[in-house]
Amino acid sequence: MKKILLVEDEAHVVSFIKKGLCEEGFEVTVAFDGKSGLNLVLENNYDLIILDIMLPEINGYDVCKEIRKKDLSIPIIFLSALGTSENIVMGLEQRADDYIVKPFKFIELLARIRNLLRRTENTSLPKPDAQEEFIYRIDDLVVNDYTKTVIRNYQDISLTTTEYRLLLFFIKNKERVLSRLDILEEVWGVNYDLGTNVVDVYVNYLRKKIEVNSETKLIQTIIGMGYVLKT
């Protein structure tokens, strides 16, 4: 049974979400303020977090930021009434994996949850002697999709789930120019408002992590078209 932490201070929203998720077979733990939610994350193991932004004690942005400081790659969905492009981008800048604006339909929340959980599951791990099939090498970058590890110039690189999926998508499409829509559909699975710059934000995150100690820039911008990974 998948365990979900819901950090939300509105009782009627909590009741609505918890009831629906429990009926779908999830185990749901609730925190009504940011401080309690953060403590629960640091003390327990969850498969996914649903996080409001306007919370007592500690706001959702800061909760997400603290979770990522611990290098926890657990999927995080922001669920907030703050629906401007600026709010969405700010949420994703804290390394959240998704952002849903209130009011929302439960069926959409459920679809986003299942989408993220599918990405983090290892449903059919290969045999150890077949690992080489899952290792990608580009320049001095090595991605092992069996162990979900990334190394460049002999240095381990820690990526969130979304950052890892973005990198793997680039690698599997090396030399191909990928549009922002291509990336949105593959990495996030659900179309965002294209008025937001979530793709650009995450490409910048990825660049900072994989190119920080290297002179070779792997991810290149093709103006007016998108991005391409090549040496």
C-alpha atoms as a PDB file:
ATOM      1  CA  MET A   1       0.000   0.000   0.000  1.00  0.00           C
ATOM      2  CA  LYS A   2       1.404   3.385  -1.031  1.00  0.00           C
ATOM      3  CA  LYS A   3       1.800   5.926   1.755  1.00  0.00           C
ATOM      4  CA  ILE A   4       0.889   9.553   1.118  1.00  0.00           C
ATOM      5  CA  LEU A   5       1.477  12.529   3.399  1.00  0.00           C
ATOM      6  CA  LEU A   6      -1.109  15.310   3.048  1.00  0.00           C
ATOM      7  CA  VAL A   7      -0.031  18.663   4.494  1.00  0.00           C
ATOM      8  CA  GLU A   8      -3.132  20.868   4.402  1.00  0.00           C
ATOM      9  CA  ASP A   9      -4.796  23.159   6.958  1.00  0.00           C
ATOM     10  CA  GLU A  10      -8.320  23.310   5.501  1.00  0.00           C
ATOM     11  CA  ALA A  11     -10.374  20.590   7.197  1.00  0.00           C
ATOM     12  CA  HIS A  12     -12.908  20.187   4.375  1.00  0.00           C
ATOM     13  CA  VAL A  13     -10.131  19.790   1.791  1.00  0.00           C
ATOM     14  CA  VAL A  14      -8.388  17.238   4.014  1.00  0.00           C
ATOM     15  CA  SER A  15     -11.612  15.264   4.422  1.00  0.00           C
ATOM     16  CA  PHE A  16     -12.319  15.313   0.681  1.00  0.00           C
ATOM     17  CA  ILE A  17      -8.834  14.222  -0.355  1.00  0.00           C
ATOM     18  CA  LYS A  18      -8.294  11.658   2.377  1.00  0.00           C
ATOM     19  CA  LYS A  19     -11.650   9.978   1.740  1.00  0.00           C
ATOM     20  CA  GLY A  20     -11.004   9.749  -1.987  1.00  0.00           C
ATOM     21  CA  LEU A  21      -7.441   8.450  -1.652  1.00  0.00           C
ATOM     22  CA  CYS A  22      -8.336   5.875   0.984  1.00  0.00           C
ATOM     23  CA  GLU A  23     -11.089   4.578  -1.284  1.00  0.00           C
ATOM     24  CA  GLU A  24      -8.411   4.193  -3.986  1.00  0.00           C
ATOM     25  CA  GLY A  25      -6.269   2.058  -1.672  1.00  0.00           C
ATOM     26  CA  PHE A  26      -3.759   4.614  -0.385  1.00  0.00           C
ATOM     27  CA  GLU A  27      -2.674   5.058   3.218  1.00  0.00           C
ATOM     28  CA  VAL A  28      -2.963   8.756   4.070  1.00  0.00           C
ATOM     29  CA  THR A  29      -1.292  10.624   6.935  1.00  0.00           C
ATOM     30  CA  VAL A  30      -2.350  14.226   7.591  1.00  0.00           C
ATOM     31  CA  ALA A  31      -0.475  17.220   8.989  1.00  0.00           C
ATOM     32  CA  PHE A  32      -2.312  20.512   9.497  1.00  0.00           C
ATOM     33  CA  ASP A  33       0.722  22.795   9.566  1.00  0.00           C
ATOM     34  CA  GLY A  34       4.087  23.017   7.836  1.00  0.00           C
ATOM     35  CA  LYS A  35       6.225  22.295  10.879  1.00  0.00           C
ATOM     36  CA  SER A  36       4.393  19.064  11.691  1.00  0.00           C
ATOM     37  CA  GLY A  37       4.487  18.044   8.041  1.00  0.00           C
ATOM     38  CA  LEU A  38       8.240  18.584   7.795  1.00  0.00           C
ATOM     39  CA  ASN A  39       8.869  16.599  10.975  1.00  0.00           C
ATOM     40  CA  LEU A  40       6.768  13.713   9.674  1.00  0.00           C
ATOM     41  CA  VAL A  41       8.720  13.643   6.399  1.00  0.00           C
ATOM     42  CA  LEU A  42      12.059  13.578   8.209  1.00  0.00           C
ATOM     43  CA  GLU A  43      10.969  10.848  10.620  1.00  0.00           C
ATOM     44  CA  ASN A  44       8.989   8.550   8.311  1.00  0.00           C
ATOM     45  CA  ASN A  45       9.000   7.103   4.812  1.00  0.00           C
ATOM     46  CA  TYR A  46       6.315   8.222   2.380  1.00  0.00           C
ATOM     47  CA  ASP A  47       5.807   7.475  -1.294  1.00  0.00           C
ATOM     48  CA  LEU A  48       4.459  10.942  -2.113  1.00  0.00           C
ATOM     49  CA  ILE A  49       3.648  14.291  -0.484  1.00  0.00           C
ATOM     50  CA  ILE A  50       0.720  16.598  -1.228  1.00  0.00           C
ATOM     51  CA  LEU A  51       1.627  20.039   0.070  1.00  0.00           C
ATOM     52  CA  ASP A  52      -0.386  23.232   0.453  1.00  0.00           C
ATOM     53  CA  ILE A  53       1.514  26.530   0.325  1.00  0.00           C
ATOM     54  CA  MET A  54      -0.353  28.820   2.729  1.00  0.00           C
ATOM     55  CA  LEU A  55       0.225  26.819   5.910  1.00  0.00           C
ATOM     56  CA  PRO A  56       0.573  27.745   9.605  1.00  0.00           C
ATOM     57  CA  GLU A  57       4.041  27.607  11.216  1.00  0.00           C
ATOM     58  CA  ILE A  58       6.065  27.055   8.007  1.00  0.00           C
ATOM     59  CA  ASN A  59       4.766  27.774   4.505  1.00  0.00           C
ATOM     60  CA  GLY A  60       4.771  25.092   1.842  1.00  0.00           C
ATOM     61  CA  TYR A  61       7.575  26.664  -0.184  1.00  0.00           C
ATOM     62  CA  ASP A  62       9.926  26.467   2.788  1.00  0.00           C
ATOM     63  CA  VAL A  63       8.808  22.945   3.690  1.00  0.00           C
ATOM     64  CA  CYS A  64       9.618  21.784   0.168  1.00  0.00           C
ATOM     65  CA  LYS A  65      12.943  23.616   0.234  1.00  0.00           C
ATOM     66  CA  GLU A  66      13.941  21.926   3.512  1.00  0.00           C
ATOM     67  CA  ILE A  67      12.976  18.494   2.185  1.00  0.00           C
ATOM     68  CA  ARG A  68      15.151  18.983  -0.892  1.00  0.00           C
ATOM     69  CA  LYS A  69      18.060  20.185   1.258  1.00  0.00           C
ATOM     70  CA  LYS A  70      18.065  16.694   2.746  1.00  0.00           C
ATOM     71  CA  ASP A  71      18.403  15.290  -0.787  1.00  0.00           C
ATOM     72  CA  LEU A  72      15.088  13.512  -0.456  1.00  0.00           C
ATOM     73  CA  SER A  73      13.821  12.630  -3.924  1.00  0.00           C
ATOM     74  CA  ILE A  74      10.276  11.852  -2.750  1.00  0.00           C
ATOM     75  CA  PRO A  75       7.669  13.164  -5.242  1.00  0.00           C
ATOM     76  CA  ILE A  76       5.989  16.388  -4.093  1.00  0.00           C
ATOM     77  CA  ILE A  77       2.770  17.885  -5.465  1.00  0.00           C
ATOM     78  CA  PHE A  78       1.872  21.441  -4.531  1.00  0.00           C
ATOM     79  CA  LEU A  79      -1.881  21.922  -4.099  1.00  0.00           C
ATOM     80  CA  SER A  80      -2.692  25.593  -3.711  1.00  0.00           C
ATOM     81  CA  ALA A  81      -5.182  28.371  -4.384  1.00  0.00           C
ATOM     82  CA  LEU A  82      -2.239  30.464  -5.598  1.00  0.00           C
ATOM     83  CA  GLY A  83      -2.648  29.984  -9.322  1.00  0.00           C
ATOM     84  CA  THR A  84      -0.596  32.613 -11.125  1.00  0.00           C
ATOM     85  CA  SER A  85       2.280  31.633 -13.391  1.00  0.00           C
ATOM     86  CA  GLU A  86       4.641  33.236 -10.880  1.00  0.00           C
ATOM     87  CA  ASN A  87       3.283  31.061  -8.060  1.00  0.00           C
ATOM     88  CA  ILE A  88       3.577  27.894 -10.132  1.00  0.00           C
ATOM     89  CA  VAL A  89       7.129  28.661 -11.206  1.00  0.00           C
ATOM     90  CA  MET A  90       8.110  29.574  -7.648  1.00  0.00           C
ATOM     91  CA  GLY A  91       6.730  26.239  -6.448  1.00  0.00           C
ATOM     92  CA  LEU A  92       8.618  24.307  -9.087  1.00  0.00           C
ATOM     93  CA  GLU A  93      11.757  26.270  -8.270  1.00  0.00           C
ATOM     94  CA  GLN A  94      11.658  24.603  -4.852  1.00  0.00           C
ATOM     95  CA  ARG A  95      12.021  21.278  -6.728  1.00  0.00           C
ATOM     96  CA  ALA A  96       8.370  20.221  -6.484  1.00  0.00           C
ATOM     97  CA  ASP A  97       7.392  17.668  -9.126  1.00  0.00           C
ATOM     98  CA  ASP A  98       3.926  18.998  -9.870  1.00  0.00           C
ATOM     99  CA  TYR A  99       1.561  21.878  -9.082  1.00  0.00           C
ATOM    100  CA  ILE A 100      -2.243  21.753  -8.972  1.00  0.00           C
ATOM    101  CA  VAL A 101      -4.379  24.854  -8.531  1.00  0.00           C
ATOM    102  CA  LYS A 102      -7.469  24.891  -6.296  1.00  0.00           C
ATOM    103  CA  PRO A 103     -10.298  24.379  -6.965  1.00  0.00           C
ATOM    104  CA  PHE A 104      -9.487  21.052  -8.555  1.00  0.00           C
ATOM    105  CA  LYS A 105     -11.155  17.815  -9.556  1.00  0.00           C
ATOM    106  CA  PHE A 106     -10.209  14.746  -7.533  1.00  0.00           C
ATOM    107  CA  ILE A 107      -9.842  12.696 -10.716  1.00  0.00           C
ATOM    108  CA  GLU A 108      -7.090  15.090 -11.873  1.00  0.00           C
ATOM    109  CA  LEU A 109      -5.269  14.877  -8.526  1.00  0.00           C
ATOM    110  CA  LEU A 110      -5.493  11.081  -8.645  1.00  0.00           C
ATOM    111  CA  ALA A 111      -4.115  10.992 -12.188  1.00  0.00           C
ATOM    112  CA  ARG A 112      -1.168  13.203 -11.221  1.00  0.00           C
ATOM    113  CA  ILE A 113      -0.438  11.042  -8.150  1.00  0.00           C
ATOM    114  CA  ARG A 114      -0.468   7.824 -10.140  1.00  0.00           C
ATOM    115  CA  ASN A 115       1.657   9.414 -12.835  1.00  0.00           C
ATOM    116  CA  LEU A 116       4.358  10.398 -10.349  1.00  0.00           C
ATOM    117  CA  LEU A 117       4.271   7.066  -8.542  1.00  0.00           C
ATOM    118  CA  ARG A 118       4.719   5.190 -11.817  1.00  0.00           C
ATOM    119  CA  ARG A 119       7.865   7.206 -12.463  1.00  0.00           C
ATOM    120  CA  THR A 120       9.425   6.261  -9.147  1.00  0.00           C
ATOM    121  CA  GLU A 121       8.599   2.567  -9.264  1.00  0.00           C
ATOM    122  CA  ASN A 122      11.058  -0.067 -10.435  1.00  0.00           C
ATOM    123  CA  THR A 123       8.493  -2.474 -11.785  1.00  0.00           C
ATOM    124  CA  SER A 124      10.814  -4.825 -13.660  1.00  0.00           C
ATOM    125  CA  LEU A 125      14.442  -4.593 -12.601  1.00  0.00           C
ATOM    126  CA  PRO A 126      16.854  -6.399 -14.922  1.00  0.00           C
ATOM    127  CA  LYS A 127      19.271  -9.051 -13.778  1.00  0.00           C
ATOM    128  CA  PRO A 128      22.590  -7.716 -12.464  1.00  0.00           C
ATOM    129  CA  ASP A 129      24.552  -9.161 -15.403  1.00  0.00           C
ATOM    130  CA  ALA A 130      22.341  -7.152 -17.759  1.00  0.00           C
ATOM    131  CA  GLN A 131      23.007  -3.799 -16.125  1.00  0.00           C
ATOM    132  CA  GLU A 132      25.270  -2.634 -18.949  1.00  0.00           C
ATOM    133  CA  GLU A 133      22.207  -2.279 -21.174  1.00  0.00           C
ATOM    134  CA  PHE A 134      20.964   0.401 -18.822  1.00  0.00           C
ATOM    135  CA  ILE A 135      24.151   2.462 -18.671  1.00  0.00           C
ATOM    136  CA  TYR A 136      24.408   5.561 -20.835  1.00  0.00           C
ATOM    137  CA  ARG A 137      27.694   7.381 -21.445  1.00  0.00           C
ATOM    138  CA  ILE A 138      27.975  10.808 -22.995  1.00  0.00           C
ATOM    139  CA  ASP A 139      31.308  12.593 -22.754  1.00  0.00           C
ATOM    140  CA  ASP A 140      32.288  12.099 -19.072  1.00  0.00           C
ATOM    141  CA  LEU A 141      28.663  11.775 -17.948  1.00  0.00           C
ATOM    142  CA  VAL A 142      27.510   8.281 -16.900  1.00  0.00           C
ATOM    143  CA  VAL A 143      23.856   7.539 -16.153  1.00  0.00           C
ATOM    144  CA  ASN A 144      22.965   4.117 -14.755  1.00  0.00           C
ATOM    145  CA  ASP A 145      19.228   3.619 -15.225  1.00  0.00           C
ATOM    146  CA  TYR A 146      19.404   0.349 -13.273  1.00  0.00           C
ATOM    147  CA  THR A 147      20.646   1.959 -10.066  1.00  0.00           C
ATOM    148  CA  LYS A 148      19.262   5.435 -10.928  1.00  0.00           C
ATOM    149  CA  THR A 149      22.662   7.035 -10.370  1.00  0.00           C
ATOM    150  CA  VAL A 150      24.378   9.869 -12.226  1.00  0.00           C
ATOM    151  CA  ILE A 151      28.134  10.490 -12.292  1.00  0.00           C
ATOM    152  CA  ARG A 152      30.157  13.122 -14.118  1.00  0.00           C
ATOM    153  CA  ASN A 153      33.910  13.507 -13.977  1.00  0.00           C
ATOM    154  CA  TYR A 154      33.912  10.807 -11.263  1.00  0.00           C
ATOM    155  CA  GLN A 155      31.597  12.885  -9.046  1.00  0.00           C
ATOM    156  CA  ASP A 156      28.196  11.637  -7.901  1.00  0.00           C
ATOM    157  CA  ILE A 157      25.321  13.966  -8.841  1.00  0.00           C
ATOM    158  CA  SER A 158      22.130  13.995  -6.787  1.00  0.00           C
ATOM    159  CA  LEU A 159      18.974  14.620  -8.830  1.00  0.00           C
ATOM    160  CA  THR A 160      15.308  14.825  -7.905  1.00  0.00           C
ATOM    161  CA  THR A 161      12.907  12.430  -9.624  1.00  0.00           C
ATOM    162  CA  THR A 162      11.854  15.040 -12.165  1.00  0.00           C
ATOM    163  CA  GLU A 163      15.422  16.176 -12.872  1.00  0.00           C
ATOM    164  CA  TYR A 164      16.439  12.552 -13.439  1.00  0.00           C
ATOM    165  CA  ARG A 165      13.566  11.921 -15.849  1.00  0.00           C
ATOM    166  CA  LEU A 166      14.442  15.083 -17.739  1.00  0.00           C
ATOM    167  CA  LEU A 167      18.077  14.025 -18.081  1.00  0.00           C
ATOM    168  CA  LEU A 168      17.137  10.509 -19.180  1.00  0.00           C
ATOM    169  CA  PHE A 169      14.763  11.915 -21.803  1.00  0.00           C
ATOM    170  CA  PHE A 170      17.564  14.069 -23.185  1.00  0.00           C
ATOM    171  CA  ILE A 171      19.967  11.125 -23.234  1.00  0.00           C
ATOM    172  CA  LYS A 172      17.569   8.775 -24.990  1.00  0.00           C
ATOM    173  CA  ASN A 173      17.021  11.472 -27.601  1.00  0.00           C
ATOM    174  CA  LYS A 174      20.629  12.597 -27.980  1.00  0.00           C
ATOM    175  CA  GLU A 175      21.192  14.945 -30.935  1.00  0.00           C
ATOM    176  CA  ARG A 176      17.422  15.434 -31.362  1.00  0.00           C
ATOM    177  CA  VAL A 177      16.008  18.914 -30.817  1.00  0.00           C
ATOM    178  CA  LEU A 178      13.241  18.607 -28.217  1.00  0.00           C
ATOM    179  CA  SER A 179      10.523  21.229 -28.025  1.00  0.00           C
ATOM    180  CA  ARG A 180       9.166  22.423 -24.705  1.00  0.00           C
ATOM    181  CA  LEU A 181       5.910  20.599 -25.468  1.00  0.00           C
ATOM    182  CA  ASP A 182       7.822  17.349 -26.127  1.00  0.00           C
ATOM    183  CA  ILE A 183       9.485  17.710 -22.737  1.00  0.00           C
ATOM    184  CA  LEU A 184       6.278  18.642 -20.891  1.00  0.00           C
ATOM    185  CA  GLU A 185       4.415  15.625 -22.226  1.00  0.00           C
ATOM    186  CA  GLU A 186       7.224  13.148 -21.545  1.00  0.00           C
ATOM    187  CA  VAL A 187       8.583  14.360 -18.210  1.00  0.00           C
ATOM    188  CA  TRP A 188       5.452  15.696 -16.543  1.00  0.00           C
ATOM    189  CA  GLY A 189       2.912  13.587 -18.386  1.00  0.00           C
ATOM    190  CA  VAL A 190       0.225  16.269 -18.148  1.00  0.00           C
ATOM    191  CA  ASN A 191       0.125  19.459 -20.200  1.00  0.00           C
ATOM    192  CA  TYR A 192       0.881  22.601 -18.249  1.00  0.00           C
ATOM    193  CA  ASP A 193      -0.210  26.094 -19.109  1.00  0.00           C
ATOM    194  CA  LEU A 194       2.442  26.948 -21.674  1.00  0.00           C
ATOM    195  CA  GLY A 195       2.491  30.456 -20.227  1.00  0.00           C
ATOM    196  CA  THR A 196       4.696  29.077 -17.451  1.00  0.00           C
ATOM    197  CA  ASN A 197       8.404  28.428 -17.950  1.00  0.00           C
ATOM    198  CA  VAL A 198       8.663  25.197 -15.979  1.00  0.00           C
ATOM    199  CA  VAL A 199      10.769  23.513 -18.683  1.00  0.00           C
ATOM    200  CA  ASP A 200      13.287  26.341 -18.753  1.00  0.00           C
ATOM    201  CA  VAL A 201      13.465  26.340 -14.950  1.00  0.00           C
ATOM    202  CA  TYR A 202      14.211  22.623 -14.801  1.00  0.00           C
ATOM    203  CA  VAL A 203      16.688  22.684 -17.670  1.00  0.00           C
ATOM    204  CA  ASN A 204      18.592  25.350 -15.739  1.00  0.00           C
ATOM    205  CA  TYR A 205      18.530  23.185 -12.583  1.00  0.00           C
ATOM    206  CA  LEU A 206      19.860  20.265 -14.571  1.00  0.00           C
ATOM    207  CA  ARG A 207      22.571  22.304 -16.216  1.00  0.00           C
ATOM    208  CA  LYS A 208      23.795  23.626 -12.880  1.00  0.00           C
ATOM    209  CA  LYS A 209      24.098  20.102 -11.516  1.00  0.00           C
ATOM    210  CA  ILE A 210      25.648  18.242 -14.439  1.00  0.00           C
ATOM    211  CA  GLU A 211      27.809  21.042 -15.807  1.00  0.00           C
ATOM    212  CA  VAL A 212      29.058  22.680 -12.616  1.00  0.00           C
ATOM    213  CA  ASN A 213      32.571  21.184 -12.752  1.00  0.00           C
ATOM    214  CA  SER A 214      32.890  20.631 -16.486  1.00  0.00           C
ATOM    215  CA  GLU A 215      33.875  22.861 -19.380  1.00  0.00           C
ATOM    216  CA  THR A 216      31.774  20.804 -21.804  1.00  0.00           C
ATOM    217  CA  LYS A 217      28.180  22.018 -21.976  1.00  0.00           C
ATOM    218  CA  LEU A 218      25.941  19.107 -22.920  1.00  0.00           C
ATOM    219  CA  ILE A 219      22.475  20.699 -22.991  1.00  0.00           C
ATOM    220  CA  GLN A 220      22.248  23.410 -25.621  1.00  0.00           C
ATOM    221  CA  THR A 221      19.476  25.896 -26.346  1.00  0.00           C
ATOM    222  CA  ILE A 222      18.120  26.065 -29.880  1.00  0.00           C
ATOM    223  CA  ILE A 223      16.478  29.482 -30.010  1.00  0.00           C
ATOM    224  CA  GLY A 224      12.824  29.339 -31.001  1.00  0.00           C
ATOM    225  CA  MET A 225      12.802  25.535 -31.060  1.00  0.00           C
ATOM    226  CA  GLY A 226      13.811  24.030 -27.722  1.00  0.00           C
ATOM    227  CA  TYR A 227      16.800  22.107 -26.390  1.00  0.00           C
ATOM    228  CA  VAL A 228      19.213  19.432 -27.538  1.00  0.00           C
ATOM    229  CA  LEU A 229      21.753  17.256 -25.743  1.00  0.00           C
ATOM    230  CA  LYS A 230      24.971  16.735 -27.664  1.00  0.00           C
ATOM    231  CA  THR A 231      28.723  16.895 -27.181  1.00  0.00           C
END
